[in-house]
Amino acid sequence: MTPQPVVNRVLLALAGLILLGGGLLILFAGLDLYRRHDLVPPAGWPLTVPGDVLLGSADRDRWSGQGWWWWPAVIAALALVFLLALWWLLAQLRARRPGTLPVGGTSAQDGAELRDRALSDAIAAEAGALPGVARSAVRITGRPARPHTRVGLTLTSRAEPRTVLDALCQGPLRTARRSTGSARLPTEVRLRVTGHRPHRVE
């Protein structure tokens, strides 16, 4: 797994946990579940009864007494968190694709260029023709100097994954490396198996 998906999943998990915890606090307080089920929340636990607020009068007075700089600092921190979250969201929506790939290991100025979509379509067509492959999908991401290939294969019920992977490496991927002149072409392969009806034995 590449570092970017790992970071994305960690951030999504943290955001999900924070939202889940906040939602449960509001749900328990709004439905008065602590009193109905004789539950005793910990001391200082926020939102324990209906109509409760996150910051009471005493808390607001205490935080207001920190000085004139306190609330501007809080607002600035929240604005920074919002901008970082917005930047991260836009980065996920904007697919990072190389666009064009230099052919023959030369730079774009000195050599011919190959569209990443044309290369991915060629790999997908050749991979889809392999024995045991029902469907194939290929996407090329990364930078032109360091492309990364993502291959999704849907195998038939009788296909052997190891055999299909060997054929993929020796066939379409080797052809792609030879076509672009790249010594390395990092590839992530995801395999699925087509659903099939159970066979009846008589």
C-alpha atoms as a PDB file:
ATOM      1  CA  MET A   1       0.000   0.000   0.000  1.00  0.00           C
ATOM      2  CA  THR A   2       1.366   3.411  -0.945  1.00  0.00           C
ATOM      3  CA  PRO A   3       1.862   6.100   1.749  1.00  0.00           C
ATOM      4  CA  GLN A   4      -0.913   8.392   0.472  1.00  0.00           C
ATOM      5  CA  PRO A   5      -3.767   5.858   0.874  1.00  0.00           C
ATOM      6  CA  VAL A   6      -2.441   5.018   4.356  1.00  0.00           C
ATOM      7  CA  VAL A   7      -2.562   8.695   5.391  1.00  0.00           C
ATOM      8  CA  ASN A   8      -6.005   9.084   3.835  1.00  0.00           C
ATOM      9  CA  ARG A   9      -7.398   6.098   5.714  1.00  0.00           C
ATOM     10  CA  VAL A  10      -5.884   7.231   9.018  1.00  0.00           C
ATOM     11  CA  LEU A  11      -7.345  10.730   8.626  1.00  0.00           C
ATOM     12  CA  LEU A  12     -10.728   9.328   7.627  1.00  0.00           C
ATOM     13  CA  ALA A  13     -10.688   6.976  10.614  1.00  0.00           C
ATOM     14  CA  LEU A  14      -9.841   9.818  13.016  1.00  0.00           C
ATOM     15  CA  ALA A  15     -12.514  12.070  11.531  1.00  0.00           C
ATOM     16  CA  GLY A  16     -15.034   9.231  11.706  1.00  0.00           C
ATOM     17  CA  LEU A  17     -14.230   8.527  15.359  1.00  0.00           C
ATOM     18  CA  ILE A  18     -14.553  12.209  16.285  1.00  0.00           C
ATOM     19  CA  LEU A  19     -17.885  12.541  14.480  1.00  0.00           C
ATOM     20  CA  LEU A  20     -19.143   9.267  15.961  1.00  0.00           C
ATOM     21  CA  GLY A  21     -18.197  10.333  19.496  1.00  0.00           C
ATOM     22  CA  GLY A  22     -19.855  13.724  19.095  1.00  0.00           C
ATOM     23  CA  GLY A  23     -22.976  12.143  17.619  1.00  0.00           C
ATOM     24  CA  LEU A  24     -23.259   9.669  20.490  1.00  0.00           C
ATOM     25  CA  LEU A  25     -22.873  12.443  23.068  1.00  0.00           C
ATOM     26  CA  ILE A  26     -25.684  14.442  21.458  1.00  0.00           C
ATOM     27  CA  LEU A  27     -27.870  11.337  21.065  1.00  0.00           C
ATOM     28  CA  PHE A  28     -27.472  10.234  24.681  1.00  0.00           C
ATOM     29  CA  ALA A  29     -28.226  13.722  25.980  1.00  0.00           C
ATOM     30  CA  GLY A  30     -31.095  14.434  23.606  1.00  0.00           C
ATOM     31  CA  LEU A  31     -32.904  11.175  24.365  1.00  0.00           C
ATOM     32  CA  ASP A  32     -32.043  11.361  28.079  1.00  0.00           C
ATOM     33  CA  LEU A  33     -30.601   7.855  27.933  1.00  0.00           C
ATOM     34  CA  TYR A  34     -28.473   8.310  31.045  1.00  0.00           C
ATOM     35  CA  ARG A  35     -31.560   8.778  33.265  1.00  0.00           C
ATOM     36  CA  ARG A  36     -33.705   6.200  31.460  1.00  0.00           C
ATOM     37  CA  HIS A  37     -31.139   3.434  31.802  1.00  0.00           C
ATOM     38  CA  ASP A  38     -29.713   4.514  35.200  1.00  0.00           C
ATOM     39  CA  LEU A  39     -26.299   5.288  33.725  1.00  0.00           C
ATOM     40  CA  VAL A  40     -23.875   7.500  35.602  1.00  0.00           C
ATOM     41  CA  PRO A  41     -21.618   9.504  33.275  1.00  0.00           C
ATOM     42  CA  PRO A  42     -18.085  10.369  34.456  1.00  0.00           C
ATOM     43  CA  ALA A  43     -17.517  13.570  36.374  1.00  0.00           C
ATOM     44  CA  GLY A  44     -17.268  16.553  34.064  1.00  0.00           C
ATOM     45  CA  TRP A  45     -18.854  14.648  31.176  1.00  0.00           C
ATOM     46  CA  PRO A  46     -20.438  17.107  28.697  1.00  0.00           C
ATOM     47  CA  LEU A  47     -24.029  16.893  27.459  1.00  0.00           C
ATOM     48  CA  THR A  48     -25.642  14.622  30.019  1.00  0.00           C
ATOM     49  CA  VAL A  49     -29.258  15.877  30.081  1.00  0.00           C
ATOM     50  CA  PRO A  50     -31.637  17.320  27.465  1.00  0.00           C
ATOM     51  CA  GLY A  51     -31.114  21.033  27.018  1.00  0.00           C
ATOM     52  CA  ASP A  52     -27.537  20.849  28.250  1.00  0.00           C
ATOM     53  CA  VAL A  53     -24.923  22.956  26.469  1.00  0.00           C
ATOM     54  CA  LEU A  54     -21.338  22.161  25.641  1.00  0.00           C
ATOM     55  CA  LEU A  55     -19.993  25.266  27.411  1.00  0.00           C
ATOM     56  CA  GLY A  56     -21.880  26.432  30.465  1.00  0.00           C
ATOM     57  CA  SER A  57     -21.858  29.930  31.920  1.00  0.00           C
ATOM     58  CA  ALA A  58     -19.030  29.104  34.323  1.00  0.00           C
ATOM     59  CA  ASP A  59     -16.912  27.668  31.524  1.00  0.00           C
ATOM     60  CA  ARG A  60     -17.533  30.669  29.291  1.00  0.00           C
ATOM     61  CA  ASP A  61     -16.582  33.069  32.089  1.00  0.00           C
ATOM     62  CA  ARG A  62     -13.445  31.082  32.841  1.00  0.00           C
ATOM     63  CA  TRP A  63     -12.295  31.019  29.210  1.00  0.00           C
ATOM     64  CA  SER A  64     -13.214  34.682  28.702  1.00  0.00           C
ATOM     65  CA  GLY A  65     -10.940  35.580  31.589  1.00  0.00           C
ATOM     66  CA  GLN A  66      -7.877  34.244  29.768  1.00  0.00           C
ATOM     67  CA  GLY A  67      -7.255  37.577  28.053  1.00  0.00           C
ATOM     68  CA  TRP A  68      -8.115  39.393  24.847  1.00  0.00           C
ATOM     69  CA  TRP A  69      -5.933  37.076  22.764  1.00  0.00           C
ATOM     70  CA  TRP A  70      -7.738  33.837  23.700  1.00  0.00           C
ATOM     71  CA  TRP A  71     -10.769  33.910  21.398  1.00  0.00           C
ATOM     72  CA  PRO A  72      -8.874  35.282  18.361  1.00  0.00           C
ATOM     73  CA  ALA A  73      -6.375  32.440  18.830  1.00  0.00           C
ATOM     74  CA  VAL A  74      -9.186  29.876  19.022  1.00  0.00           C
ATOM     75  CA  ILE A  75     -10.846  31.292  15.903  1.00  0.00           C
ATOM     76  CA  ALA A  76      -7.512  31.303  14.045  1.00  0.00           C
ATOM     77  CA  ALA A  77      -6.843  27.676  15.031  1.00  0.00           C
ATOM     78  CA  LEU A  78     -10.307  26.586  13.894  1.00  0.00           C
ATOM     79  CA  ALA A  79      -9.878  28.479  10.615  1.00  0.00           C
ATOM     80  CA  LEU A  80      -6.522  26.744  10.074  1.00  0.00           C
ATOM     81  CA  VAL A  81      -8.080  23.345  10.711  1.00  0.00           C
ATOM     82  CA  PHE A  82     -10.885  24.160   8.280  1.00  0.00           C
ATOM     83  CA  LEU A  83      -8.444  25.266   5.554  1.00  0.00           C
ATOM     84  CA  LEU A  84      -6.320  22.137   6.013  1.00  0.00           C
ATOM     85  CA  ALA A  85      -9.409  19.927   5.794  1.00  0.00           C
ATOM     86  CA  LEU A  86     -10.569  21.772   2.674  1.00  0.00           C
ATOM     87  CA  TRP A  87      -7.119  21.426   1.073  1.00  0.00           C
ATOM     88  CA  TRP A  88      -7.060  17.702   1.845  1.00  0.00           C
ATOM     89  CA  LEU A  89     -10.542  17.249   0.375  1.00  0.00           C
ATOM     90  CA  LEU A  90      -9.634  19.089  -2.815  1.00  0.00           C
ATOM     91  CA  ALA A  91      -6.455  17.015  -3.104  1.00  0.00           C
ATOM     92  CA  GLN A  92      -8.560  13.838  -3.015  1.00  0.00           C
ATOM     93  CA  LEU A  93     -10.981  15.129  -5.624  1.00  0.00           C
ATOM     94  CA  ARG A  94      -8.191  16.155  -7.980  1.00  0.00           C
ATOM     95  CA  ALA A  95      -6.863  12.927  -9.485  1.00  0.00           C
ATOM     96  CA  ARG A  96      -3.111  12.999  -9.735  1.00  0.00           C
ATOM     97  CA  ARG A  97      -2.295  11.685 -13.187  1.00  0.00           C
ATOM     98  CA  PRO A  98       0.870  12.098 -15.228  1.00  0.00           C
ATOM     99  CA  GLY A  99      -0.981  13.210 -18.386  1.00  0.00           C
ATOM    100  CA  THR A 100       1.805  12.272 -20.763  1.00  0.00           C
ATOM    101  CA  LEU A 101       4.704   9.859 -20.396  1.00  0.00           C
ATOM    102  CA  PRO A 102       8.066  10.219 -22.146  1.00  0.00           C
ATOM    103  CA  VAL A 103       8.786   7.340 -24.498  1.00  0.00           C
ATOM    104  CA  GLY A 104      12.210   5.756 -24.584  1.00  0.00           C
ATOM    105  CA  GLY A 105      13.333   7.182 -21.261  1.00  0.00           C
ATOM    106  CA  THR A 106      13.892  10.673 -22.714  1.00  0.00           C
ATOM    107  CA  SER A 107      12.487  13.938 -21.516  1.00  0.00           C
ATOM    108  CA  ALA A 108       9.301  15.376 -22.947  1.00  0.00           C
ATOM    109  CA  GLN A 109      11.252  18.031 -24.846  1.00  0.00           C
ATOM    110  CA  ASP A 110      13.590  15.596 -26.600  1.00  0.00           C
ATOM    111  CA  GLY A 111      11.429  12.540 -27.236  1.00  0.00           C
ATOM    112  CA  ALA A 112       7.961  11.392 -28.143  1.00  0.00           C
ATOM    113  CA  GLU A 113       5.151  11.436 -25.614  1.00  0.00           C
ATOM    114  CA  LEU A 114       2.503   8.858 -24.803  1.00  0.00           C
ATOM    115  CA  ARG A 115      -0.822   9.726 -23.220  1.00  0.00           C
ATOM    116  CA  ASP A 116      -1.386   7.937 -19.941  1.00  0.00           C
ATOM    117  CA  ARG A 117      -4.952   7.040 -20.954  1.00  0.00           C
ATOM    118  CA  ALA A 118      -3.728   5.431 -24.169  1.00  0.00           C
ATOM    119  CA  LEU A 119      -1.222   3.333 -22.231  1.00  0.00           C
ATOM    120  CA  SER A 120      -3.790   2.337 -19.590  1.00  0.00           C
ATOM    121  CA  ASP A 121      -6.284   1.368 -22.305  1.00  0.00           C
ATOM    122  CA  ALA A 122      -3.643  -0.754 -24.030  1.00  0.00           C
ATOM    123  CA  ILE A 123      -2.723  -2.524 -20.783  1.00  0.00           C
ATOM    124  CA  ALA A 124      -6.397  -3.094 -19.957  1.00  0.00           C
ATOM    125  CA  ALA A 125      -7.117  -4.544 -23.397  1.00  0.00           C
ATOM    126  CA  GLU A 126      -4.159  -6.912 -23.257  1.00  0.00           C
ATOM    127  CA  ALA A 127      -4.887  -7.897 -19.650  1.00  0.00           C
ATOM    128  CA  GLY A 128      -8.555  -8.517 -20.448  1.00  0.00           C
ATOM    129  CA  ALA A 129      -7.509 -11.031 -23.100  1.00  0.00           C
ATOM    130  CA  LEU A 130      -5.524 -13.137 -20.627  1.00  0.00           C
ATOM    131  CA  PRO A 131      -6.922 -16.599 -19.792  1.00  0.00           C
ATOM    132  CA  GLY A 132      -9.063 -16.520 -16.683  1.00  0.00           C
ATOM    133  CA  VAL A 133      -9.718 -12.749 -16.780  1.00  0.00           C
ATOM    134  CA  ALA A 134     -13.336 -11.652 -17.194  1.00  0.00           C
ATOM    135  CA  ARG A 135     -12.850  -7.878 -16.889  1.00  0.00           C
ATOM    136  CA  SER A 136      -9.929  -5.514 -16.447  1.00  0.00           C
ATOM    137  CA  ALA A 137      -9.492  -1.867 -15.524  1.00  0.00           C
ATOM    138  CA  VAL A 138      -6.221   0.061 -15.486  1.00  0.00           C
ATOM    139  CA  ARG A 139      -5.391   3.511 -14.178  1.00  0.00           C
ATOM    140  CA  ILE A 140      -2.036   5.274 -14.247  1.00  0.00           C
ATOM    141  CA  THR A 141      -1.252   7.822 -11.513  1.00  0.00           C
ATOM    142  CA  GLY A 142       1.812   9.622 -10.236  1.00  0.00           C
ATOM    143  CA  ARG A 143       4.231  11.908 -12.020  1.00  0.00           C
ATOM    144  CA  PRO A 144       5.565  11.492 -15.564  1.00  0.00           C
ATOM    145  CA  ALA A 145       9.007  10.564 -14.210  1.00  0.00           C
ATOM    146  CA  ARG A 146       7.536   8.088 -11.699  1.00  0.00           C
ATOM    147  CA  PRO A 147       4.258   6.629 -12.978  1.00  0.00           C
ATOM    148  CA  HIS A 148       2.315   4.147 -10.889  1.00  0.00           C
ATOM    149  CA  THR A 149      -0.072   1.623 -12.404  1.00  0.00           C
ATOM    150  CA  ARG A 150      -3.227   0.378 -10.684  1.00  0.00           C
ATOM    151  CA  VAL A 151      -4.712  -2.746 -12.236  1.00  0.00           C
ATOM    152  CA  GLY A 152      -8.063  -4.237 -11.274  1.00  0.00           C
ATOM    153  CA  LEU A 153      -8.814  -7.709 -12.585  1.00  0.00           C
ATOM    154  CA  THR A 154     -12.036  -9.658 -12.260  1.00  0.00           C
ATOM    155  CA  LEU A 155     -11.240 -13.351 -12.560  1.00  0.00           C
ATOM    156  CA  THR A 156     -13.467 -16.180 -13.590  1.00  0.00           C
ATOM    157  CA  SER A 157     -14.399 -18.765 -11.004  1.00  0.00           C
ATOM    158  CA  ARG A 158     -11.943 -21.300 -12.427  1.00  0.00           C
ATOM    159  CA  ALA A 159      -8.954 -18.959 -12.742  1.00  0.00           C
ATOM    160  CA  GLU A 160      -5.803 -19.384 -10.648  1.00  0.00           C
ATOM    161  CA  PRO A 161      -4.641 -16.023  -9.249  1.00  0.00           C
ATOM    162  CA  ARG A 162      -0.944 -16.905  -9.305  1.00  0.00           C
ATOM    163  CA  THR A 163      -1.108 -17.954 -12.940  1.00  0.00           C
ATOM    164  CA  VAL A 164      -2.970 -14.788 -13.885  1.00  0.00           C
ATOM    165  CA  LEU A 165      -0.453 -12.592 -12.031  1.00  0.00           C
ATOM    166  CA  ASP A 166       2.470 -14.288 -13.751  1.00  0.00           C
ATOM    167  CA  ALA A 167       0.812 -13.811 -17.139  1.00  0.00           C
ATOM    168  CA  LEU A 168       0.096 -10.161 -16.312  1.00  0.00           C
ATOM    169  CA  CYS A 169       3.722  -9.469 -15.374  1.00  0.00           C
ATOM    170  CA  GLN A 170       5.171 -11.328 -18.331  1.00  0.00           C
ATOM    171  CA  GLY A 171       2.641  -9.946 -20.813  1.00  0.00           C
ATOM    172  CA  PRO A 172       0.915  -6.538 -20.530  1.00  0.00           C
ATOM    173  CA  LEU A 173       3.248  -5.029 -17.924  1.00  0.00           C
ATOM    174  CA  ARG A 174       6.392  -6.108 -19.733  1.00  0.00           C
ATOM    175  CA  THR A 175       4.968  -4.676 -22.955  1.00  0.00           C
ATOM    176  CA  ALA A 176       4.232  -1.381 -21.175  1.00  0.00           C
ATOM    177  CA  ARG A 177       7.774  -1.136 -19.842  1.00  0.00           C
ATOM    178  CA  ARG A 178       9.201  -1.911 -23.259  1.00  0.00           C
ATOM    179  CA  SER A 179       6.904   0.614 -24.941  1.00  0.00           C
ATOM    180  CA  THR A 180       7.840   3.452 -22.597  1.00  0.00           C
ATOM    181  CA  GLY A 181      11.457   2.463 -22.129  1.00  0.00           C
ATOM    182  CA  SER A 182      11.041   2.467 -18.349  1.00  0.00           C
ATOM    183  CA  ALA A 183      13.144   0.060 -16.320  1.00  0.00           C
ATOM    184  CA  ARG A 184      10.551   0.053 -13.518  1.00  0.00           C
ATOM    185  CA  LEU A 185       6.793   0.417 -13.529  1.00  0.00           C
ATOM    186  CA  PRO A 186       5.430   0.039  -9.980  1.00  0.00           C
ATOM    187  CA  THR A 187       2.088  -1.718 -10.148  1.00  0.00           C
ATOM    188  CA  GLU A 188      -0.702  -2.395  -7.663  1.00  0.00           C
ATOM    189  CA  VAL A 189      -2.979  -5.267  -8.661  1.00  0.00           C
ATOM    190  CA  ARG A 190      -6.375  -5.976  -7.104  1.00  0.00           C
ATOM    191  CA  LEU A 191      -8.091  -9.254  -7.882  1.00  0.00           C
ATOM    192  CA  ARG A 192     -11.769 -10.100  -7.666  1.00  0.00           C
ATOM    193  CA  VAL A 193     -13.691 -13.195  -8.616  1.00  0.00           C
ATOM    194  CA  THR A 194     -16.930 -13.117 -10.549  1.00  0.00           C
ATOM    195  CA  GLY A 195     -19.971 -14.368  -8.711  1.00  0.00           C
ATOM    196  CA  HIS A 196     -21.302 -17.687  -9.889  1.00  0.00           C
ATOM    197  CA  ARG A 197     -24.256 -19.848  -9.031  1.00  0.00           C
ATOM    198  CA  PRO A 198     -23.524 -22.914  -6.898  1.00  0.00           C
ATOM    199  CA  HIS A 199     -23.382 -26.122  -8.846  1.00  0.00           C
ATOM    200  CA  ARG A 200     -26.033 -28.714  -8.013  1.00  0.00           C
ATOM    201  CA  VAL A 201     -24.687 -32.190  -7.308  1.00  0.00           C
ATOM    202  CA  GLU A 202     -27.047 -35.093  -7.851  1.00  0.00           C
END
